[in-house]
Amino acid sequence: MTHLARALFGVIASTLAGTGVVIALVAGVTGLWPLLAVAALGAVVALPVSARVARGLGG
């Protein structure tokens, strides 16, 4: 992973994790573990997304 992708990962991961948690809360999910799982899923999805964004930016 390039330096640009690593820098973008923090922003993209927190955005995707936060969006996922908000969607889960609106859907009625209230347990701690399901919300943590959704946040972790957002962080995992952010890996290829940040790599693709970095590649698109020329990093």
C-alpha atoms as a PDB file:
ATOM      1  CA  MET A   1       0.000   0.000   0.000  1.00  0.00           C
ATOM      2  CA  THR A   2       1.416   3.365  -0.959  1.00  0.00           C
ATOM      3  CA  HIS A   3       1.894   6.258   1.418  1.00  0.00           C
ATOM      4  CA  LEU A   4      -1.021   8.111  -0.143  1.00  0.00           C
ATOM      5  CA  ALA A   5      -3.313   5.111   0.310  1.00  0.00           C
ATOM      6  CA  ARG A   6      -2.254   4.814   3.951  1.00  0.00           C
ATOM      7  CA  ALA A   7      -3.008   8.488   4.507  1.00  0.00           C
ATOM      8  CA  LEU A   8      -6.393   8.188   2.840  1.00  0.00           C
ATOM      9  CA  PHE A   9      -7.269   5.001   4.721  1.00  0.00           C
ATOM     10  CA  GLY A  10      -7.915   6.796   8.024  1.00  0.00           C
ATOM     11  CA  VAL A  11     -10.357   9.218   6.483  1.00  0.00           C
ATOM     12  CA  ILE A  12     -12.097   6.667   4.278  1.00  0.00           C
ATOM     13  CA  ALA A  13     -12.306   4.002   7.002  1.00  0.00           C
ATOM     14  CA  SER A  14     -13.833   6.355   9.551  1.00  0.00           C
ATOM     15  CA  THR A  15     -16.315   7.637   6.977  1.00  0.00           C
ATOM     16  CA  LEU A  16     -17.433   4.168   5.881  1.00  0.00           C
ATOM     17  CA  ALA A  17     -17.551   2.829   9.439  1.00  0.00           C
ATOM     18  CA  GLY A  18     -19.543   5.822  10.660  1.00  0.00           C
ATOM     19  CA  THR A  19     -21.948   5.642   7.750  1.00  0.00           C
ATOM     20  CA  GLY A  20     -22.463   1.933   8.357  1.00  0.00           C
ATOM     21  CA  VAL A  21     -23.184   2.469  12.039  1.00  0.00           C
ATOM     22  CA  VAL A  22     -25.691   5.220  11.292  1.00  0.00           C
ATOM     23  CA  ILE A  23     -27.454   3.008   8.740  1.00  0.00           C
ATOM     24  CA  ALA A  24     -27.536   0.143  11.255  1.00  0.00           C
ATOM     25  CA  LEU A  25     -28.963   2.405  13.954  1.00  0.00           C
ATOM     26  CA  VAL A  26     -31.665   3.696  11.621  1.00  0.00           C
ATOM     27  CA  ALA A  27     -32.485   0.084  10.733  1.00  0.00           C
ATOM     28  CA  GLY A  28     -33.068  -0.631  14.415  1.00  0.00           C
ATOM     29  CA  VAL A  29     -29.859  -2.422  15.407  1.00  0.00           C
ATOM     30  CA  THR A  30     -29.125  -1.637  19.059  1.00  0.00           C
ATOM     31  CA  GLY A  31     -26.676  -4.264  20.286  1.00  0.00           C
ATOM     32  CA  LEU A  32     -23.021  -3.471  20.871  1.00  0.00           C
ATOM     33  CA  TRP A  33     -21.555  -6.411  18.957  1.00  0.00           C
ATOM     34  CA  PRO A  34     -23.607  -5.927  15.782  1.00  0.00           C
ATOM     35  CA  LEU A  35     -22.641  -2.244  15.711  1.00  0.00           C
ATOM     36  CA  LEU A  36     -18.974  -3.111  16.218  1.00  0.00           C
ATOM     37  CA  ALA A  37     -19.230  -5.663  13.417  1.00  0.00           C
ATOM     38  CA  VAL A  38     -20.671  -3.048  11.068  1.00  0.00           C
ATOM     39  CA  ALA A  39     -17.889  -0.623  11.981  1.00  0.00           C
ATOM     40  CA  ALA A  40     -15.257  -3.314  11.400  1.00  0.00           C
ATOM     41  CA  LEU A  41     -16.836  -4.151   8.053  1.00  0.00           C
ATOM     42  CA  GLY A  42     -16.538  -0.495   7.060  1.00  0.00           C
ATOM     43  CA  ALA A  43     -12.838  -0.548   7.935  1.00  0.00           C
ATOM     44  CA  VAL A  44     -12.282  -3.715   5.909  1.00  0.00           C
ATOM     45  CA  VAL A  45     -14.108  -2.301   2.906  1.00  0.00           C
ATOM     46  CA  ALA A  46     -11.963   0.841   3.169  1.00  0.00           C
ATOM     47  CA  LEU A  47      -8.788  -1.098   2.307  1.00  0.00           C
ATOM     48  CA  PRO A  48      -9.497  -1.611  -1.406  1.00  0.00           C
ATOM     49  CA  VAL A  49     -11.368   1.686  -1.630  1.00  0.00           C
ATOM     50  CA  SER A  50      -8.387   3.675  -0.360  1.00  0.00           C
ATOM     51  CA  ALA A  51      -6.050   1.797  -2.695  1.00  0.00           C
ATOM     52  CA  ARG A  52      -8.283   2.552  -5.669  1.00  0.00           C
ATOM     53  CA  VAL A  53      -8.657   6.224  -4.725  1.00  0.00           C
ATOM     54  CA  ALA A  54      -4.882   6.553  -4.313  1.00  0.00           C
ATOM     55  CA  ARG A  55      -4.340   4.910  -7.683  1.00  0.00           C
ATOM     56  CA  GLY A  56      -6.851   7.315  -9.222  1.00  0.00           C
ATOM     57  CA  LEU A  57      -5.063  10.291  -7.706  1.00  0.00           C
ATOM     58  CA  GLY A  58      -1.788   9.095  -9.133  1.00  0.00           C
ATOM     59  CA  GLY A  59      -0.122   7.859  -5.955  1.00  0.00           C
END
